[in-house]
Amino acid sequence: MSVAARLMFAFDNSYVRELGGLYEPWQAAPAPAPRLLALNEELATELGVDADALRAPDGVAVLVGNATPDGASPVAQAYAGHQFGGFVPRLGDGRALLLGEVLDVDGRRRDLHLKGSGRTPFARGGDGKAPVGPMLREYAIGEAMHALGIPTSRALAVVATGDHVARDTMLPGAVLTRVAASHVRVGTFQYAAAHDGPTLVRRLAEYAIARHYPHAVEAENPYLAFLESVVDAQASLVARWMHVGFIHGVMNTDNMTISGETIDYGPCAFMDAFDPATVFSSIDHGGRYAYGNQPRIAQWNLARLAETLLPLIHGEPDTALAAATHVLQSFPDRYDEYWNHGMRAKVGLADAQGSDSALIDDLLALLHAQRVDFTSCFRALSSAVRGDAAPARLLFAEPLAFDAWADRWRAQLSSQALSSQASDPRAIAEAMDRVNPVYIPRNHQMEEALAAASTGDLGPFERLLDVLAQPFDERPGLEPYTAPAPPSFGSYRTFCGT
């Protein structure tokens, strides 16, 4: 079979076919000397494409945008968005292209998308390029989130372009090939509402319902059911972020998907010492997108989605507003349910009890007061269940406070329903280890790997990917990957990479 035949994606481009007015046809800028840096073989298999064919020159040409595969219909997508609270009516893919939608081996529709592929009509003065470091970062964080079981876009490949990108210094350029359930965002609805009004919003809503929430079609009010579905998906997603200490860093409405996937990994990072006020993004001066603010911001973003849907929900504005408000006001309860369920699992509580929330809140207060590493503490709790409290106690500068909390915790574990699984310490500890990762993308290790990659040494990056692929399975020899950043790492700041 020829390379061309093995590069056949099963394209079916419904977005282009159905949503005229929400994109501009476009082509990627030529990459002068493309070189494959990373390829996701597992994802290639899911998409029904031969990984060896993608490594060949013809495959690399597709991944970098130098060649358009048969059936693709490249477009720059249009969207608006609230950026740090301020509305921008025209954003869009300024340096990205939707190549098309691929039907994978299971029949799922997946967007195939290029990032860093050159200027588009939405570039707003930008150069349309991306440096190697941020593109490898998005690849690694997406794969880590996937392994943690958190809905996410994923990278199929990163290809160095052979060009350079002017930022603070000249940096090697790259294109990331991204796969997502779709790239329809809250900002897509805002663009439709701002530029065409209810007619285009209705077409977009019907498209999103059919693609992501087909059950809403059968509801008495499909558009209200659609809003409720997105609210629930985002409540679940953000709770999962919070369970692992993930901070997105730029939760603008154009970075919130309708599908409920995490997308647009820019200044994101994982928290070491627990602190709800943690901010890493260099541009988030007021802490709008701090770790502890993420649930509130998600609800705020969803209110912006609801505003675009009001004319569809009901012809009477007050009735529409009341119905949408009722759905939006359900977000805190939905979020709390997802948060509490996940946190109970992290501390080994199989049965919900009235004192669960206080127990969990008190542990988090201890972590905050003593600046204890979030990931290490929850992972160490399973050792305490097995009879060895030392790994957890040693994390606390004042362990007596932890001891007092642990006494309450053990009493609550003992009071669980007396089923064989709920009362067996070994089973409890094993269940905790399935939800408390031992390996996350530690910020200092990520920076070390990206710095090496920018000089052409991909070894540290590939080792980090291997570690992150199995976050719950402790493996000998990987102890350095479990530790938070040393004091010498200093105050960490992340950047959008644009």
Protein backbone atom coordinates (compact mmCIF):
# COMPACT_ATOMS: atom_id res chain seq x y z
CA MET A 1 0.00 0.00 0.00
CA SER A 2 1.37 3.44 -0.92
CA VAL A 3 2.10 6.16 1.65
CA ALA A 4 -0.71 8.24 0.15
CA ALA A 5 -3.21 5.43 0.69
CA ARG A 6 -2.11 5.00 4.31
CA LEU A 7 -2.58 8.73 4.87
CA MET A 8 -6.28 8.61 3.99
CA PHE A 9 -8.28 10.27 6.76
CA ALA A 10 -12.02 9.61 6.69
CA PHE A 11 -13.09 13.25 6.37
CA ASP A 12 -16.68 14.43 6.66
CA ASN A 13 -16.66 18.21 7.10
CA SER A 14 -20.01 19.06 8.63
CA TYR A 15 -18.87 22.38 10.15
CA VAL A 16 -17.96 23.77 6.73
CA ARG A 17 -21.02 22.24 5.13
CA GLU A 18 -23.54 23.58 7.65
CA LEU A 19 -22.12 26.73 9.25
CA GLY A 20 -21.31 29.26 6.56
CA GLY A 21 -20.61 32.60 8.20
CA LEU A 22 -18.53 31.05 10.96
CA TYR A 23 -15.29 30.48 9.06
CA GLU A 24 -13.01 31.69 6.31
CA PRO A 25 -11.48 29.19 3.83
CA TRP A 26 -7.72 29.37 4.18
CA GLN A 27 -4.42 27.56 3.66
CA ALA A 28 -1.44 27.12 5.95
CA ALA A 29 1.72 29.09 5.37
CA PRO A 30 4.55 27.02 3.85
CA ALA A 31 7.03 25.54 6.32
CA PRO A 32 10.52 25.73 4.79
CA ALA A 33 12.12 22.69 6.46
CA PRO A 34 9.60 20.57 8.38
CA ARG A 35 10.91 18.02 10.87
CA LEU A 36 8.76 15.71 13.00
CA LEU A 37 9.40 16.22 16.72
CA ALA A 38 6.64 14.15 18.31
CA LEU A 39 4.00 11.75 17.00
CA ASN A 40 1.14 10.25 18.99
CA GLU A 41 0.96 6.71 17.65
CA GLU A 42 -1.98 5.74 19.86
CA LEU A 43 -4.04 8.65 18.58
CA ALA A 44 -3.03 7.95 14.98
CA THR A 45 -4.37 4.43 15.39
CA GLU A 46 -7.65 5.79 16.77
CA LEU A 47 -7.95 8.00 13.71
CA GLY A 48 -7.35 5.02 11.42
CA VAL A 49 -4.09 6.38 10.01
CA ASP A 50 -0.79 4.53 9.74
CA ALA A 51 1.82 6.06 12.06
CA ASP A 52 4.69 5.13 9.76
CA ALA A 53 2.97 6.94 6.92
CA LEU A 54 2.73 10.06 9.08
CA ARG A 55 6.47 9.88 9.73
CA ALA A 56 7.25 9.79 6.01
CA PRO A 57 7.83 13.10 4.17
CA ASP A 58 4.30 13.10 2.72
CA GLY A 59 2.85 12.58 6.19
CA VAL A 60 4.96 15.31 7.78
CA ALA A 61 3.85 17.65 4.99
CA VAL A 62 0.22 17.06 6.00
CA LEU A 63 0.96 17.51 9.72
CA VAL A 64 2.70 20.85 9.17
CA GLY A 65 0.19 22.17 6.61
CA ASN A 66 2.41 21.98 3.50
CA ALA A 67 0.00 19.51 1.90
CA THR A 68 -3.77 19.24 2.18
CA PRO A 69 -4.98 15.64 2.51
CA ASP A 70 -7.76 14.38 0.26
CA GLY A 71 -11.16 15.30 1.66
CA ALA A 72 -9.91 18.09 3.92
CA SER A 73 -11.45 21.55 3.72
CA PRO A 74 -9.16 23.93 5.66
CA VAL A 75 -10.82 26.91 7.31
CA ALA A 76 -10.04 29.46 9.98
CA GLN A 77 -12.92 29.39 12.45
CA ALA A 78 -14.61 32.57 13.62
CA TYR A 79 -15.41 33.26 17.25
CA ALA A 80 -15.65 36.13 19.70
CA GLY A 81 -14.91 36.07 23.39
CA HIS A 82 -14.62 37.71 26.76
CA GLN A 83 -10.91 37.99 27.47
CA PHE A 84 -10.28 38.68 31.16
CA GLY A 85 -13.85 39.99 31.34
CA GLY A 86 -13.72 42.33 28.34
CA PHE A 87 -15.70 41.44 25.22
CA VAL A 88 -13.91 41.24 21.88
CA PRO A 89 -16.47 40.72 19.09
CA ARG A 90 -14.00 39.28 16.55
CA LEU A 91 -11.25 36.88 17.57
CA GLY A 92 -11.13 33.64 15.60
CA ASP A 93 -8.30 31.32 14.58
CA GLY A 94 -5.55 33.86 14.09
CA ARG A 95 -2.83 31.23 13.76
CA ALA A 96 -4.75 28.01 13.32
CA LEU A 97 -6.74 26.03 10.79
CA LEU A 98 -9.43 23.40 11.04
CA LEU A 99 -8.30 20.89 8.40
CA GLY A 100 -11.57 19.02 8.69
CA GLU A 101 -13.47 16.44 10.69
CA VAL A 102 -12.24 12.86 10.77
CA LEU A 103 -14.46 9.89 11.51
CA ASP A 104 -12.25 7.68 13.67
CA VAL A 105 -12.21 3.88 13.81
CA ASP A 106 -15.16 3.93 16.24
CA GLY A 107 -17.18 6.30 14.08
CA ARG A 108 -16.62 9.29 16.38
CA ARG A 109 -16.34 12.69 14.74
CA ARG A 110 -13.04 14.40 15.65
CA ASP A 111 -11.67 17.76 14.52
CA LEU A 112 -8.20 17.72 12.96
CA HIS A 113 -6.68 21.12 13.61
CA LEU A 114 -3.37 22.89 12.99
CA LYS A 115 -1.99 25.44 15.46
CA GLY A 116 0.86 27.75 14.52
CA SER A 117 0.23 27.31 10.81
CA GLY A 118 0.47 30.99 9.82
CA ARG A 119 -1.56 34.18 9.67
CA THR A 120 -5.27 34.06 8.85
CA PRO A 121 -7.88 36.80 8.37
CA PHE A 122 -8.37 36.69 12.16
CA ALA A 123 -4.71 37.27 13.02
CA ARG A 124 -5.21 40.85 14.30
CA GLY A 125 -1.58 41.81 13.68
CA GLY A 126 -0.07 38.56 14.93
CA ASP A 127 2.45 36.57 12.92
CA GLY A 128 0.39 33.37 12.99
CA LYS A 129 3.33 31.30 14.20
CA ALA A 130 4.09 29.31 17.33
CA PRO A 131 7.37 28.42 19.05
CA VAL A 132 8.45 24.82 19.60
CA GLY A 133 8.24 25.05 23.39
CA PRO A 134 4.55 25.96 23.80
CA MET A 135 3.51 23.42 21.17
CA LEU A 136 5.38 20.60 22.91
CA ARG A 137 3.92 21.85 26.18
CA GLU A 138 0.38 21.52 24.83
CA TYR A 139 1.20 18.04 23.55
CA ALA A 140 2.50 16.91 26.96
CA ILE A 141 -0.22 18.53 29.09
CA GLY A 142 -2.97 17.16 26.85
CA GLU A 143 -1.55 13.65 27.11
CA ALA A 144 -1.21 14.00 30.88
CA MET A 145 -4.83 15.10 31.19
CA HIS A 146 -5.94 12.23 28.98
CA ALA A 147 -4.07 9.73 31.16
CA LEU A 148 -5.65 11.30 34.26
CA GLY A 149 -9.09 10.64 32.76
CA ILE A 150 -9.95 14.32 32.22
CA PRO A 151 -11.74 15.23 28.97
CA THR A 152 -9.25 17.01 26.74
CA SER A 153 -8.10 17.83 23.27
CA ARG A 154 -5.02 15.82 22.31
CA ALA A 155 -2.04 16.39 20.06
CA LEU A 156 -1.43 14.08 17.13
CA ALA A 157 1.95 15.61 16.34
CA VAL A 158 4.36 18.50 16.70
CA VAL A 159 6.42 19.41 13.64
CA ALA A 160 9.27 21.92 13.63
CA THR A 161 8.82 24.27 10.68
CA GLY A 162 12.46 25.18 10.07
CA ASP A 163 11.42 28.79 10.50
CA HIS A 164 11.97 31.11 13.47
CA VAL A 165 9.48 33.02 15.57
CA ALA A 166 10.22 36.48 16.92
CA ARG A 167 9.22 36.80 20.56
CA ASP A 168 11.52 38.21 23.25
CA THR A 169 14.19 36.34 21.32
CA MET A 170 14.19 34.38 18.08
CA LEU A 171 12.76 30.92 18.75
CA PRO A 172 12.38 27.83 16.56
CA GLY A 173 8.88 27.55 15.13
CA ALA A 174 6.49 24.59 15.17
CA VAL A 175 3.01 23.47 14.20
CA LEU A 176 0.86 21.38 16.52
CA THR A 177 -1.71 19.01 15.00
CA ARG A 178 -4.58 18.86 17.48
CA VAL A 179 -7.56 16.53 17.75
CA ALA A 180 -10.75 17.47 19.61
CA ALA A 181 -14.39 16.44 19.80
CA SER A 182 -14.95 19.84 18.22
CA HIS A 183 -13.68 23.39 18.43
CA VAL A 184 -17.13 24.93 18.94
CA ARG A 185 -16.76 27.31 21.87
CA VAL A 186 -18.86 29.64 23.97
CA GLY A 187 -17.13 32.32 21.91
CA THR A 188 -18.47 30.76 18.71
CA PHE A 189 -22.00 31.42 19.96
CA GLN A 190 -21.02 34.94 20.96
CA TYR A 191 -19.69 35.62 17.46
CA ALA A 192 -22.87 34.28 15.87
CA ALA A 193 -25.03 36.42 18.15
CA ALA A 194 -22.95 39.56 17.60
CA HIS A 195 -22.66 39.29 13.83
CA ASP A 196 -25.84 37.63 12.61
CA GLY A 197 -28.22 37.34 15.53
CA PRO A 198 -30.70 34.54 16.36
CA THR A 199 -30.77 33.02 12.86
CA LEU A 200 -27.11 32.00 12.91
CA VAL A 201 -27.24 31.17 16.63
CA ARG A 202 -30.11 28.78 15.90
CA ARG A 203 -28.14 27.04 13.14
CA LEU A 204 -25.14 26.77 15.42
CA ALA A 205 -27.20 25.49 18.34
CA GLU A 206 -28.86 22.85 16.19
CA TYR A 207 -25.44 21.82 14.91
CA ALA A 208 -23.98 21.59 18.43
CA ILE A 209 -26.99 19.65 19.69
CA ALA A 210 -26.75 17.11 16.88
CA ARG A 211 -23.00 16.74 17.30
CA HIS A 212 -22.65 16.71 21.08
CA TYR A 213 -26.01 16.41 22.87
CA PRO A 214 -28.47 14.64 20.56
CA HIS A 215 -30.69 13.73 23.51
CA ALA A 216 -31.68 17.42 23.73
CA VAL A 217 -33.67 17.09 20.50
CA GLU A 218 -36.31 15.09 22.34
CA ALA A 219 -36.67 17.63 25.15
CA GLU A 220 -39.66 19.92 25.48
CA ASN A 221 -37.31 22.86 24.98
CA PRO A 222 -34.23 21.61 23.09
CA TYR A 223 -32.26 24.85 23.48
CA LEU A 224 -32.78 24.95 27.22
CA ALA A 225 -31.84 21.27 27.43
CA PHE A 226 -28.73 22.05 25.42
CA LEU A 227 -27.75 24.81 27.85
CA GLU A 228 -28.32 22.45 30.76
CA SER A 229 -26.12 19.81 29.12
CA VAL A 230 -23.25 22.23 28.61
CA VAL A 231 -23.61 23.50 32.19
CA ASP A 232 -23.39 19.95 33.50
CA ALA A 233 -20.43 19.03 31.28
CA GLN A 234 -18.47 22.07 32.42
CA ALA A 235 -19.33 21.52 36.10
CA SER A 236 -17.93 18.00 35.80
CA LEU A 237 -14.85 19.14 33.86
CA VAL A 238 -13.84 21.93 36.25
CA ALA A 239 -14.31 19.65 39.26
CA ARG A 240 -11.90 17.19 37.65
CA TRP A 241 -9.38 20.00 37.13
CA MET A 242 -9.66 20.90 40.78
CA HIS A 243 -9.18 17.30 41.91
CA VAL A 244 -5.66 17.22 40.42
CA GLY A 245 -4.59 20.81 41.10
CA PHE A 246 -4.79 21.92 37.46
CA ILE A 247 -4.97 25.63 36.67
CA HIS A 248 -6.02 26.47 33.12
CA GLY A 249 -4.75 30.02 33.37
CA VAL A 250 -6.81 31.69 30.63
CA MET A 251 -10.48 30.74 31.02
CA ASN A 252 -11.74 33.24 28.48
CA THR A 253 -15.04 32.36 26.86
CA ASP A 254 -13.27 31.59 23.59
CA ASN A 255 -11.34 28.86 25.46
CA MET A 256 -14.42 27.05 26.82
CA THR A 257 -15.70 24.29 24.57
CA ILE A 258 -19.32 23.28 24.17
CA SER A 259 -18.26 19.62 24.26
CA GLY A 260 -16.83 19.85 27.79
CA GLU A 261 -13.24 19.14 26.76
CA THR A 262 -10.22 21.04 28.07
CA ILE A 263 -8.71 23.04 25.23
CA ASP A 264 -6.09 25.72 24.49
CA TYR A 265 -3.30 24.86 26.88
CA GLY A 266 -1.44 28.16 27.10
CA PRO A 267 -0.27 29.42 30.50
CA CYS A 268 -1.64 26.37 32.31
CA ALA A 269 0.20 24.57 35.11
CA PHE A 270 -0.28 22.17 38.01
CA MET A 271 -0.18 23.42 41.58
CA ASP A 272 2.50 22.16 43.98
CA ALA A 273 1.80 23.57 47.46
CA PHE A 274 -1.94 23.90 47.96
CA ASP A 275 -3.19 27.47 47.82
CA PRO A 276 -6.56 28.47 46.30
CA ALA A 277 -5.05 31.81 45.22
CA THR A 278 -2.38 30.15 43.06
CA VAL A 279 -1.86 31.93 39.73
CA PHE A 280 0.87 31.11 37.23
CA SER A 281 -0.11 33.12 34.17
CA SER A 282 2.06 36.18 33.63
CA ILE A 283 -0.89 38.14 32.24
CA ASP A 284 -3.40 37.32 35.02
CA HIS A 285 -2.43 40.26 37.18
CA GLY A 286 -5.62 40.26 39.25
CA GLY A 287 -5.88 36.53 39.80
CA ARG A 288 -9.13 36.27 37.85
CA TYR A 289 -8.29 32.71 36.79
CA ALA A 290 -6.65 31.53 40.03
CA TYR A 291 -7.14 27.89 41.05
CA GLY A 292 -9.92 28.66 43.53
CA ASN A 293 -11.77 30.97 41.12
CA GLN A 294 -12.17 28.42 38.32
CA PRO A 295 -15.67 27.17 39.28
CA ARG A 296 -17.00 30.72 39.58
CA ILE A 297 -15.46 31.75 36.26
CA ALA A 298 -16.92 28.68 34.56
CA GLN A 299 -20.40 29.72 35.71
CA TRP A 300 -19.77 33.29 34.52
CA ASN A 301 -18.72 32.01 31.10
CA LEU A 302 -21.80 29.83 30.88
CA ALA A 303 -23.96 32.87 31.58
CA ARG A 304 -22.46 34.41 28.44
CA LEU A 305 -23.53 31.32 26.49
CA ALA A 306 -27.02 31.58 27.96
CA GLU A 307 -27.31 35.19 26.81
CA THR A 308 -26.88 34.12 23.18
CA LEU A 309 -29.56 31.44 23.52
CA LEU A 310 -32.30 33.56 25.11
CA PRO A 311 -34.18 34.30 21.84
CA LEU A 312 -34.26 30.56 21.12
CA ILE A 313 -35.35 29.49 24.58
CA HIS A 314 -38.57 31.52 24.53
CA GLY A 315 -40.12 34.35 22.53
CA GLU A 316 -40.99 36.23 25.70
CA PRO A 317 -37.71 37.73 27.03
CA ASP A 318 -38.64 37.55 30.71
CA THR A 319 -39.68 33.91 30.39
CA ALA A 320 -36.48 33.06 28.54
CA LEU A 321 -34.36 34.84 31.13
CA ALA A 322 -36.09 33.08 34.04
CA ALA A 323 -35.64 29.66 32.43
CA ALA A 324 -31.97 30.24 31.60
CA THR A 325 -31.27 31.69 35.04
CA HIS A 326 -32.75 28.61 36.67
CA VAL A 327 -30.37 26.39 34.70
CA LEU A 328 -27.36 28.61 35.44
CA GLN A 329 -28.19 28.65 39.13
CA SER A 330 -27.93 24.86 39.13
CA PHE A 331 -24.21 25.08 38.37
CA PRO A 332 -22.98 25.39 41.99
CA ASP A 333 -24.96 22.34 43.10
CA ARG A 334 -23.82 20.33 40.08
CA TYR A 335 -20.24 21.37 40.66
CA ASP A 336 -20.42 20.60 44.38
CA GLU A 337 -21.79 17.14 43.63
CA TYR A 338 -18.94 16.37 41.22
CA TRP A 339 -16.35 17.93 43.53
CA ASN A 340 -17.56 16.08 46.63
CA HIS A 341 -17.82 12.76 44.83
CA GLY A 342 -14.25 13.06 43.56
CA MET A 343 -12.84 14.28 46.87
CA ARG A 344 -14.52 11.47 48.80
CA ALA A 345 -12.82 9.03 46.45
CA LYS A 346 -9.47 10.75 47.02
CA VAL A 347 -9.72 10.16 50.79
CA GLY A 348 -11.23 6.69 50.52
CA LEU A 349 -14.79 7.43 51.54
CA ALA A 350 -17.10 5.19 49.57
CA ASP A 351 -20.31 6.30 51.30
CA ALA A 352 -21.45 9.91 51.50
CA GLN A 353 -21.83 11.15 55.06
CA GLY A 354 -22.87 14.48 56.46
CA SER A 355 -19.43 15.25 57.84
CA ASP A 356 -17.56 14.56 54.58
CA SER A 357 -17.36 18.18 53.47
CA ALA A 358 -15.99 19.39 56.80
CA LEU A 359 -13.39 16.63 56.85
CA ILE A 360 -12.19 17.45 53.33
CA ASP A 361 -12.27 21.21 53.91
CA ASP A 362 -10.24 20.83 57.10
CA LEU A 363 -7.58 18.80 55.29
CA LEU A 364 -7.32 21.42 52.56
CA ALA A 365 -7.03 24.13 55.22
CA LEU A 366 -4.13 22.19 56.76
CA LEU A 367 -2.44 21.85 53.38
CA HIS A 368 -2.82 25.57 52.80
CA ALA A 369 -1.61 26.62 56.25
CA GLN A 370 1.50 24.41 56.07
CA ARG A 371 2.13 24.77 52.32
CA VAL A 372 1.93 21.02 51.74
CA ASP A 373 2.22 19.60 48.25
CA PHE A 374 -1.30 18.80 47.01
CA THR A 375 -0.47 15.77 44.86
CA SER A 376 2.00 14.17 47.29
CA CYS A 377 -0.34 14.44 50.26
CA PHE A 378 -3.32 12.73 48.66
CA ARG A 379 -1.13 10.00 47.24
CA ALA A 380 0.46 9.40 50.66
CA LEU A 381 -2.91 8.91 52.35
CA SER A 382 -3.22 5.42 50.90
CA SER A 383 -0.04 4.43 52.77
CA ALA A 384 -1.71 5.60 55.97
CA VAL A 385 -4.67 3.35 55.20
CA ARG A 386 -2.22 0.46 54.78
CA GLY A 387 -0.81 1.21 58.22
CA ASP A 388 2.14 3.52 57.50
CA ALA A 389 1.31 7.15 58.22
CA ALA A 390 4.92 8.35 57.95
CA PRO A 391 4.85 9.33 54.23
CA ALA A 392 1.95 11.68 54.90
CA ARG A 393 3.17 12.99 58.30
CA LEU A 394 6.56 13.90 56.89
CA LEU A 395 4.94 16.33 54.48
CA PHE A 396 3.75 18.52 57.36
CA ALA A 397 6.03 20.93 59.22
CA GLU A 398 3.68 20.52 62.22
CA PRO A 399 2.53 16.89 61.98
CA LEU A 400 0.44 16.95 65.18
CA ALA A 401 -2.22 18.92 63.33
CA PHE A 402 -2.26 16.23 60.67
CA ASP A 403 -2.46 13.52 63.35
CA ALA A 404 -5.58 15.11 64.81
CA TRP A 405 -7.18 15.27 61.38
CA ALA A 406 -6.14 11.69 60.61
CA ASP A 407 -7.85 10.42 63.77
CA ARG A 408 -11.14 11.89 62.56
CA TRP A 409 -10.52 10.49 59.09
CA ARG A 410 -9.85 6.96 60.35
CA ALA A 411 -12.99 7.10 62.47
CA GLN A 412 -15.00 8.08 59.39
CA LEU A 413 -13.43 5.27 57.35
CA SER A 414 -14.39 2.84 60.10
CA SER A 415 -17.98 4.03 60.06
CA GLN A 416 -18.44 3.28 56.36
CA ALA A 417 -21.01 0.74 55.31
CA LEU A 418 -19.83 -2.69 56.37
CA SER A 419 -19.49 -4.19 52.93
CA SER A 420 -16.42 -6.33 52.33
CA GLN A 421 -14.91 -3.78 49.96
CA ALA A 422 -15.73 -0.67 51.97
CA SER A 423 -14.20 -2.06 55.18
CA ASP A 424 -11.08 -3.73 53.72
CA PRO A 425 -8.07 -1.36 54.13
CA ARG A 426 -6.24 -2.88 51.20
CA ALA A 427 -9.21 -2.37 48.87
CA ILE A 428 -9.69 1.18 50.14
CA ALA A 429 -6.02 2.00 49.56
CA GLU A 430 -6.04 0.51 46.08
CA ALA A 431 -9.15 2.51 45.18
CA MET A 432 -7.48 5.69 46.41
CA ASP A 433 -4.39 4.97 44.31
CA ARG A 434 -6.60 4.75 41.24
CA VAL A 435 -7.70 8.38 41.64
CA ASN A 436 -4.68 10.04 43.30
CA PRO A 437 -1.85 10.34 40.78
CA VAL A 438 1.75 9.89 41.77
CA TYR A 439 2.99 11.67 38.64
CA ILE A 440 1.74 14.98 37.25
CA PRO A 441 3.46 17.42 34.87
CA ARG A 442 5.61 19.08 37.53
CA ASN A 443 6.37 22.61 36.41
CA HIS A 444 10.14 22.47 36.89
CA GLN A 445 10.41 19.18 35.01
CA MET A 446 8.27 20.49 32.18
CA GLU A 447 10.47 23.56 31.84
CA GLU A 448 13.64 21.46 31.88
CA ALA A 449 12.26 19.18 29.16
CA LEU A 450 11.14 22.09 26.98
CA ALA A 451 14.44 23.91 27.40
CA ALA A 452 16.31 20.80 26.24
CA ALA A 453 13.91 20.31 23.32
CA SER A 454 14.48 23.88 22.15
CA THR A 455 18.16 23.00 21.70
CA GLY A 456 17.32 19.81 19.80
CA ASP A 457 17.51 17.32 22.70
CA LEU A 458 14.12 15.59 22.86
CA GLY A 459 15.26 12.92 25.34
CA PRO A 460 13.96 14.64 28.52
CA PHE A 461 10.64 15.45 26.82
CA GLU A 462 10.15 11.85 25.68
CA ARG A 463 11.00 10.52 29.15
CA LEU A 464 8.50 12.92 30.69
CA LEU A 465 5.81 11.76 28.27
CA ASP A 466 6.49 8.15 29.26
CA VAL A 467 6.13 9.00 32.95
CA LEU A 468 2.89 10.94 32.45
CA ALA A 469 1.31 8.15 30.40
CA GLN A 470 0.80 6.08 33.58
CA PRO A 471 0.13 8.64 36.31
CA PHE A 472 -1.35 6.26 38.88
CA ASP A 473 1.22 3.45 38.69
CA GLU A 474 4.26 4.01 40.91
CA ARG A 475 7.39 2.77 39.18
CA PRO A 476 10.91 2.27 40.54
CA GLY A 477 13.50 4.77 39.39
CA LEU A 478 11.00 7.57 38.82
CA GLU A 479 11.20 9.12 42.29
CA PRO A 480 12.50 12.48 40.95
CA TYR A 481 9.23 12.88 39.03
CA THR A 482 7.18 12.76 42.26
CA ALA A 483 8.81 15.76 43.95
CA PRO A 484 7.62 19.37 43.83
CA ALA A 485 9.94 22.05 42.54
CA PRO A 486 13.01 22.78 44.66
CA PRO A 487 13.30 26.23 46.28
CA SER A 488 15.90 27.15 43.68
CA PHE A 489 13.21 26.96 40.99
CA GLY A 490 11.80 30.20 42.36
CA SER A 491 8.46 31.82 41.57
CA TYR A 492 7.00 30.16 38.48
CA ARG A 493 5.38 32.15 35.69
CA THR A 494 3.76 30.82 32.55
CA PHE A 495 3.10 32.53 29.23
CA CYS A 496 0.50 32.12 26.51
CA GLY A 497 3.11 31.23 23.90
CA THR A 498 1.48 33.45 21.31
